[in-house]
Amino acid sequence: MSFPDVAIEQTAFIDWLQHLINRKLLDGAPLGVTRQAIDRGVDSLTDKQRQVFDRHVIQANQQCCDLCGDTPPWPEQVHMSTNGGLCGACYYRLNKTD
C-alpha cells in the first residue's frame, strides 16, 4: 500500500469512528478510548484501552455484508446502515438499471 492509500484508509477509519460517536453507538469506556484514538491515534492507547477498543468498538460495530458476507473497507462501513446492510458492490448489483 502506498503512502496516499494509507492516508486515505486512516481518514476513512477516523470518519467511521466519528460516525459511531455521532450515531450515539458508543458510551462509557468505549466512547472515551474512541475519542482518544481519534485525537491522538490508536497507538496512544494503553494495552487495556486497546482491548476495550478492539472488543467494544471494532468487533462490536464492524459489519459484514448481509448478501456476500464480506467485511467492506472503512469508507463503506459508514454507508452500510443506509444501504440495507449491503456492501457497495452488492448494493450496486441489486440497484443497477440495465
N, C-alpha and C. Protein backbone atom coordinates (compact mmCIF):
# COMPACT_ATOMS: atom_id res chain seq x y z
N MET A 1 0.86 -1.18 0.00
CA MET A 1 0.00 0.00 0.00
C MET A 1 0.90 1.23 0.00
N SER A 2 0.67 2.14 -0.90
CA SER A 2 1.47 3.36 -0.98
C SER A 2 1.03 4.35 0.09
N PHE A 3 1.84 5.34 0.34
CA PHE A 3 1.56 6.29 1.40
C PHE A 3 0.21 6.99 1.24
N PRO A 4 -0.17 7.47 0.04
CA PRO A 4 -1.50 8.11 -0.07
C PRO A 4 -2.64 7.16 0.30
N ASP A 5 -2.51 5.87 -0.06
CA ASP A 5 -3.55 4.90 0.30
C ASP A 5 -3.66 4.76 1.82
N VAL A 6 -2.52 4.79 2.49
CA VAL A 6 -2.53 4.69 3.96
C VAL A 6 -3.25 5.91 4.54
N ALA A 7 -2.97 7.08 4.01
CA ALA A 7 -3.62 8.30 4.50
C ALA A 7 -5.13 8.25 4.25
N ILE A 8 -5.53 7.78 3.09
CA ILE A 8 -6.96 7.66 2.78
C ILE A 8 -7.62 6.65 3.70
N GLU A 9 -6.97 5.51 3.90
CA GLU A 9 -7.52 4.48 4.80
C GLU A 9 -7.64 5.02 6.22
N GLN A 10 -6.64 5.76 6.70
CA GLN A 10 -6.66 6.33 8.04
C GLN A 10 -7.81 7.33 8.17
N THR A 11 -7.98 8.17 7.17
CA THR A 11 -9.06 9.15 7.19
C THR A 11 -10.42 8.46 7.21
N ALA A 12 -10.58 7.42 6.41
CA ALA A 12 -11.84 6.67 6.37
C ALA A 12 -12.11 6.00 7.71
N PHE A 13 -11.08 5.48 8.34
CA PHE A 13 -11.22 4.85 9.65
C PHE A 13 -11.68 5.87 10.69
N ILE A 14 -11.07 7.03 10.69
CA ILE A 14 -11.46 8.09 11.63
C ILE A 14 -12.89 8.54 11.35
N ASP A 15 -13.25 8.66 10.08
CA ASP A 15 -14.63 9.03 9.72
C ASP A 15 -15.62 7.99 10.26
N TRP A 16 -15.26 6.72 10.16
CA TRP A 16 -16.12 5.65 10.66
C TRP A 16 -16.26 5.74 12.18
N LEU A 17 -15.15 6.00 12.88
CA LEU A 17 -15.21 6.15 14.34
C LEU A 17 -16.09 7.34 14.71
N GLN A 18 -15.93 8.45 13.99
CA GLN A 18 -16.75 9.63 14.26
C GLN A 18 -18.22 9.33 13.99
N HIS A 19 -18.49 8.53 12.97
CA HIS A 19 -19.86 8.11 12.66
C HIS A 19 -20.47 7.34 13.84
N LEU A 20 -19.69 6.46 14.44
CA LEU A 20 -20.18 5.70 15.61
C LEU A 20 -20.53 6.64 16.75
N ILE A 21 -19.69 7.65 16.97
CA ILE A 21 -19.94 8.62 18.03
C ILE A 21 -21.19 9.45 17.71
N ASN A 22 -21.27 9.93 16.48
CA ASN A 22 -22.41 10.77 16.08
C ASN A 22 -23.74 10.04 16.19
N ARG A 23 -23.74 8.75 15.90
CA ARG A 23 -24.98 7.97 15.97
C ARG A 23 -25.25 7.47 17.39
N LYS A 24 -24.39 7.87 18.33
CA LYS A 24 -24.53 7.51 19.75
C LYS A 24 -24.51 5.98 19.96
N LEU A 25 -23.62 5.33 19.22
CA LEU A 25 -23.48 3.88 19.33
C LEU A 25 -22.45 3.48 20.38
N LEU A 26 -21.77 4.47 20.96
CA LEU A 26 -20.75 4.21 21.97
C LEU A 26 -21.05 5.01 23.22
N ASP A 27 -20.70 4.44 24.36
CA ASP A 27 -20.77 5.19 25.62
C ASP A 27 -19.73 4.64 26.57
N GLY A 28 -19.56 5.29 27.70
CA GLY A 28 -18.61 4.84 28.71
C GLY A 28 -17.19 4.73 28.20
N ALA A 29 -16.48 3.69 28.65
CA ALA A 29 -15.07 3.50 28.28
C ALA A 29 -14.86 3.39 26.77
N PRO A 30 -15.70 2.64 26.03
CA PRO A 30 -15.50 2.60 24.58
C PRO A 30 -15.57 3.98 23.91
N LEU A 31 -16.45 4.84 24.39
CA LEU A 31 -16.55 6.20 23.86
C LEU A 31 -15.27 6.97 24.16
N GLY A 32 -14.79 6.87 25.38
CA GLY A 32 -13.57 7.59 25.78
C GLY A 32 -12.35 7.16 25.00
N VAL A 33 -12.17 5.85 24.84
CA VAL A 33 -10.98 5.40 24.10
C VAL A 33 -11.10 5.71 22.61
N THR A 34 -12.32 5.74 22.10
CA THR A 34 -12.51 6.11 20.70
C THR A 34 -12.16 7.57 20.48
N ARG A 35 -12.59 8.42 21.38
CA ARG A 35 -12.23 9.84 21.28
C ARG A 35 -10.71 10.02 21.33
N GLN A 36 -10.06 9.26 22.22
CA GLN A 36 -8.60 9.34 22.31
C GLN A 36 -7.95 8.83 21.02
N ALA A 37 -8.47 7.75 20.47
CA ALA A 37 -7.93 7.20 19.23
C ALA A 37 -8.06 8.21 18.09
N ILE A 38 -9.16 8.94 18.05
CA ILE A 38 -9.35 9.96 17.02
C ILE A 38 -8.38 11.12 17.24
N ASP A 39 -8.29 11.59 18.48
CA ASP A 39 -7.49 12.77 18.79
C ASP A 39 -5.98 12.51 18.75
N ARG A 40 -5.56 11.35 19.30
CA ARG A 40 -4.12 11.10 19.45
C ARG A 40 -3.62 9.86 18.72
N GLY A 41 -4.52 9.16 18.06
CA GLY A 41 -4.13 7.97 17.33
C GLY A 41 -4.28 6.69 18.15
N VAL A 42 -4.50 5.59 17.47
CA VAL A 42 -4.70 4.30 18.12
C VAL A 42 -3.44 3.88 18.89
N ASP A 43 -2.28 4.28 18.39
CA ASP A 43 -1.03 3.92 19.06
C ASP A 43 -0.89 4.56 20.44
N SER A 44 -1.69 5.58 20.74
CA SER A 44 -1.62 6.23 22.06
C SER A 44 -2.35 5.44 23.14
N LEU A 45 -3.14 4.43 22.74
CA LEU A 45 -3.92 3.66 23.70
C LEU A 45 -3.02 2.70 24.48
N THR A 46 -3.30 2.56 25.77
CA THR A 46 -2.60 1.56 26.58
C THR A 46 -3.09 0.18 26.17
N ASP A 47 -2.45 -0.87 26.65
CA ASP A 47 -2.87 -2.23 26.33
C ASP A 47 -4.33 -2.48 26.75
N LYS A 48 -4.69 -2.01 27.92
CA LYS A 48 -6.06 -2.19 28.42
C LYS A 48 -7.06 -1.41 27.56
N GLN A 49 -6.70 -0.18 27.22
CA GLN A 49 -7.58 0.63 26.37
C GLN A 49 -7.71 -0.01 24.99
N ARG A 50 -6.62 -0.56 24.49
CA ARG A 50 -6.66 -1.20 23.17
C ARG A 50 -7.58 -2.41 23.18
N GLN A 51 -7.60 -3.17 24.28
CA GLN A 51 -8.51 -4.31 24.40
C GLN A 51 -9.96 -3.83 24.35
N VAL A 52 -10.26 -2.77 25.09
CA VAL A 52 -11.61 -2.20 25.08
C VAL A 52 -11.95 -1.72 23.68
N PHE A 53 -11.03 -1.03 23.04
CA PHE A 53 -11.24 -0.50 21.70
C PHE A 53 -11.50 -1.63 20.70
N ASP A 54 -10.65 -2.65 20.72
CA ASP A 54 -10.81 -3.78 19.79
C ASP A 54 -12.13 -4.51 20.00
N ARG A 55 -12.45 -4.81 21.26
CA ARG A 55 -13.64 -5.62 21.56
C ARG A 55 -14.94 -4.84 21.44
N HIS A 56 -14.98 -3.66 22.04
CA HIS A 56 -16.25 -2.93 22.17
C HIS A 56 -16.49 -1.87 21.10
N VAL A 57 -15.47 -1.58 20.31
CA VAL A 57 -15.65 -0.61 19.22
C VAL A 57 -15.54 -1.33 17.88
N ILE A 58 -14.37 -1.91 17.62
CA ILE A 58 -14.15 -2.53 16.31
C ILE A 58 -15.03 -3.77 16.13
N GLN A 59 -14.83 -4.77 16.98
CA GLN A 59 -15.55 -6.04 16.81
C GLN A 59 -17.07 -5.87 16.97
N ALA A 60 -17.48 -4.99 17.85
CA ALA A 60 -18.92 -4.82 18.11
C ALA A 60 -19.63 -4.02 17.02
N ASN A 61 -18.90 -3.26 16.22
CA ASN A 61 -19.55 -2.36 15.27
C ASN A 61 -19.18 -2.58 13.81
N GLN A 62 -18.11 -3.31 13.56
CA GLN A 62 -17.75 -3.57 12.16
C GLN A 62 -18.75 -4.54 11.57
N GLN A 63 -19.26 -4.23 10.39
CA GLN A 63 -20.33 -5.02 9.79
C GLN A 63 -19.84 -5.85 8.63
N CYS A 64 -20.51 -6.96 8.42
CA CYS A 64 -20.31 -7.79 7.24
C CYS A 64 -21.52 -7.60 6.34
N CYS A 65 -21.30 -7.70 5.04
CA CYS A 65 -22.39 -7.57 4.07
C CYS A 65 -23.40 -8.69 4.28
N ASP A 66 -24.67 -8.34 4.32
CA ASP A 66 -25.74 -9.32 4.51
C ASP A 66 -25.90 -10.26 3.32
N LEU A 67 -25.39 -9.87 2.16
CA LEU A 67 -25.54 -10.70 0.97
C LEU A 67 -24.32 -11.58 0.70
N CYS A 68 -23.14 -10.96 0.61
CA CYS A 68 -21.94 -11.73 0.25
C CYS A 68 -21.11 -12.16 1.46
N GLY A 69 -21.34 -11.55 2.62
CA GLY A 69 -20.62 -11.91 3.83
C GLY A 69 -19.26 -11.26 3.99
N ASP A 70 -18.83 -10.46 3.01
CA ASP A 70 -17.54 -9.79 3.11
C ASP A 70 -17.60 -8.64 4.11
N THR A 71 -16.45 -8.30 4.66
CA THR A 71 -16.32 -7.12 5.51
C THR A 71 -15.78 -6.00 4.64
N PRO A 72 -16.60 -5.01 4.32
CA PRO A 72 -16.15 -3.94 3.44
C PRO A 72 -15.10 -3.06 4.10
N PRO A 73 -14.35 -2.30 3.30
CA PRO A 73 -13.37 -1.36 3.85
C PRO A 73 -14.07 -0.25 4.62
N TRP A 74 -13.28 0.49 5.40
CA TRP A 74 -13.83 1.52 6.29
C TRP A 74 -14.76 2.50 5.59
N PRO A 75 -14.42 3.02 4.41
CA PRO A 75 -15.34 4.01 3.81
C PRO A 75 -16.75 3.45 3.61
N GLU A 76 -16.86 2.17 3.28
CA GLU A 76 -18.18 1.57 3.06
C GLU A 76 -18.90 1.26 4.36
N GLN A 77 -18.17 1.09 5.46
CA GLN A 77 -18.80 0.77 6.74
C GLN A 77 -19.80 1.86 7.14
N VAL A 78 -19.46 3.10 6.86
CA VAL A 78 -20.34 4.22 7.23
C VAL A 78 -21.67 4.12 6.49
N HIS A 79 -21.64 3.66 5.25
CA HIS A 79 -22.84 3.65 4.41
C HIS A 79 -23.67 2.38 4.51
N MET A 80 -23.18 1.36 5.18
CA MET A 80 -23.91 0.09 5.23
C MET A 80 -25.27 0.23 5.90
N SER A 81 -25.37 1.10 6.88
CA SER A 81 -26.67 1.26 7.56
C SER A 81 -27.72 1.86 6.63
N THR A 82 -27.30 2.65 5.65
CA THR A 82 -28.25 3.22 4.71
C THR A 82 -28.36 2.39 3.43
N ASN A 83 -27.50 1.40 3.27
CA ASN A 83 -27.54 0.51 2.11
C ASN A 83 -28.22 -0.82 2.44
N GLY A 84 -28.98 -0.84 3.50
CA GLY A 84 -29.69 -2.06 3.86
C GLY A 84 -28.77 -3.20 4.29
N GLY A 85 -27.61 -2.85 4.85
CA GLY A 85 -26.68 -3.87 5.33
C GLY A 85 -25.83 -4.48 4.22
N LEU A 86 -25.81 -3.84 3.05
CA LEU A 86 -25.06 -4.37 1.92
C LEU A 86 -23.78 -3.58 1.68
N CYS A 87 -22.75 -4.28 1.21
CA CYS A 87 -21.52 -3.60 0.79
C CYS A 87 -21.82 -2.84 -0.49
N GLY A 88 -20.92 -1.98 -0.88
CA GLY A 88 -21.13 -1.16 -2.07
C GLY A 88 -21.34 -1.99 -3.33
N ALA A 89 -20.56 -3.05 -3.49
CA ALA A 89 -20.67 -3.88 -4.70
C ALA A 89 -22.03 -4.57 -4.77
N CYS A 90 -22.49 -5.15 -3.68
CA CYS A 90 -23.79 -5.83 -3.68
C CYS A 90 -24.93 -4.84 -3.84
N TYR A 91 -24.82 -3.69 -3.19
CA TYR A 91 -25.84 -2.66 -3.32
C TYR A 91 -25.96 -2.22 -4.78
N TYR A 92 -24.81 -2.03 -5.43
CA TYR A 92 -24.80 -1.62 -6.84
C TYR A 92 -25.42 -2.70 -7.71
N ARG A 93 -25.03 -3.95 -7.50
CA ARG A 93 -25.57 -5.05 -8.31
C ARG A 93 -27.09 -5.14 -8.19
N LEU A 94 -27.62 -4.97 -6.98
CA LEU A 94 -29.06 -5.08 -6.77
C LEU A 94 -29.83 -3.87 -7.27
N ASN A 95 -29.17 -2.72 -7.37
CA ASN A 95 -29.89 -1.49 -7.72
C ASN A 95 -29.53 -0.92 -9.07
N LYS A 96 -28.66 -1.57 -9.81
CA LYS A 96 -28.29 -1.03 -11.12
C LYS A 96 -29.45 -1.19 -12.10
N THR A 97 -29.51 -0.28 -13.02
CA THR A 97 -30.51 -0.36 -14.08
C THR A 97 -29.77 -0.65 -15.37
N ASP A 98 -30.23 -1.67 -16.07
CA ASP A 98 -29.55 -2.08 -17.30
C ASP A 98 -29.90 -1.21 -18.47
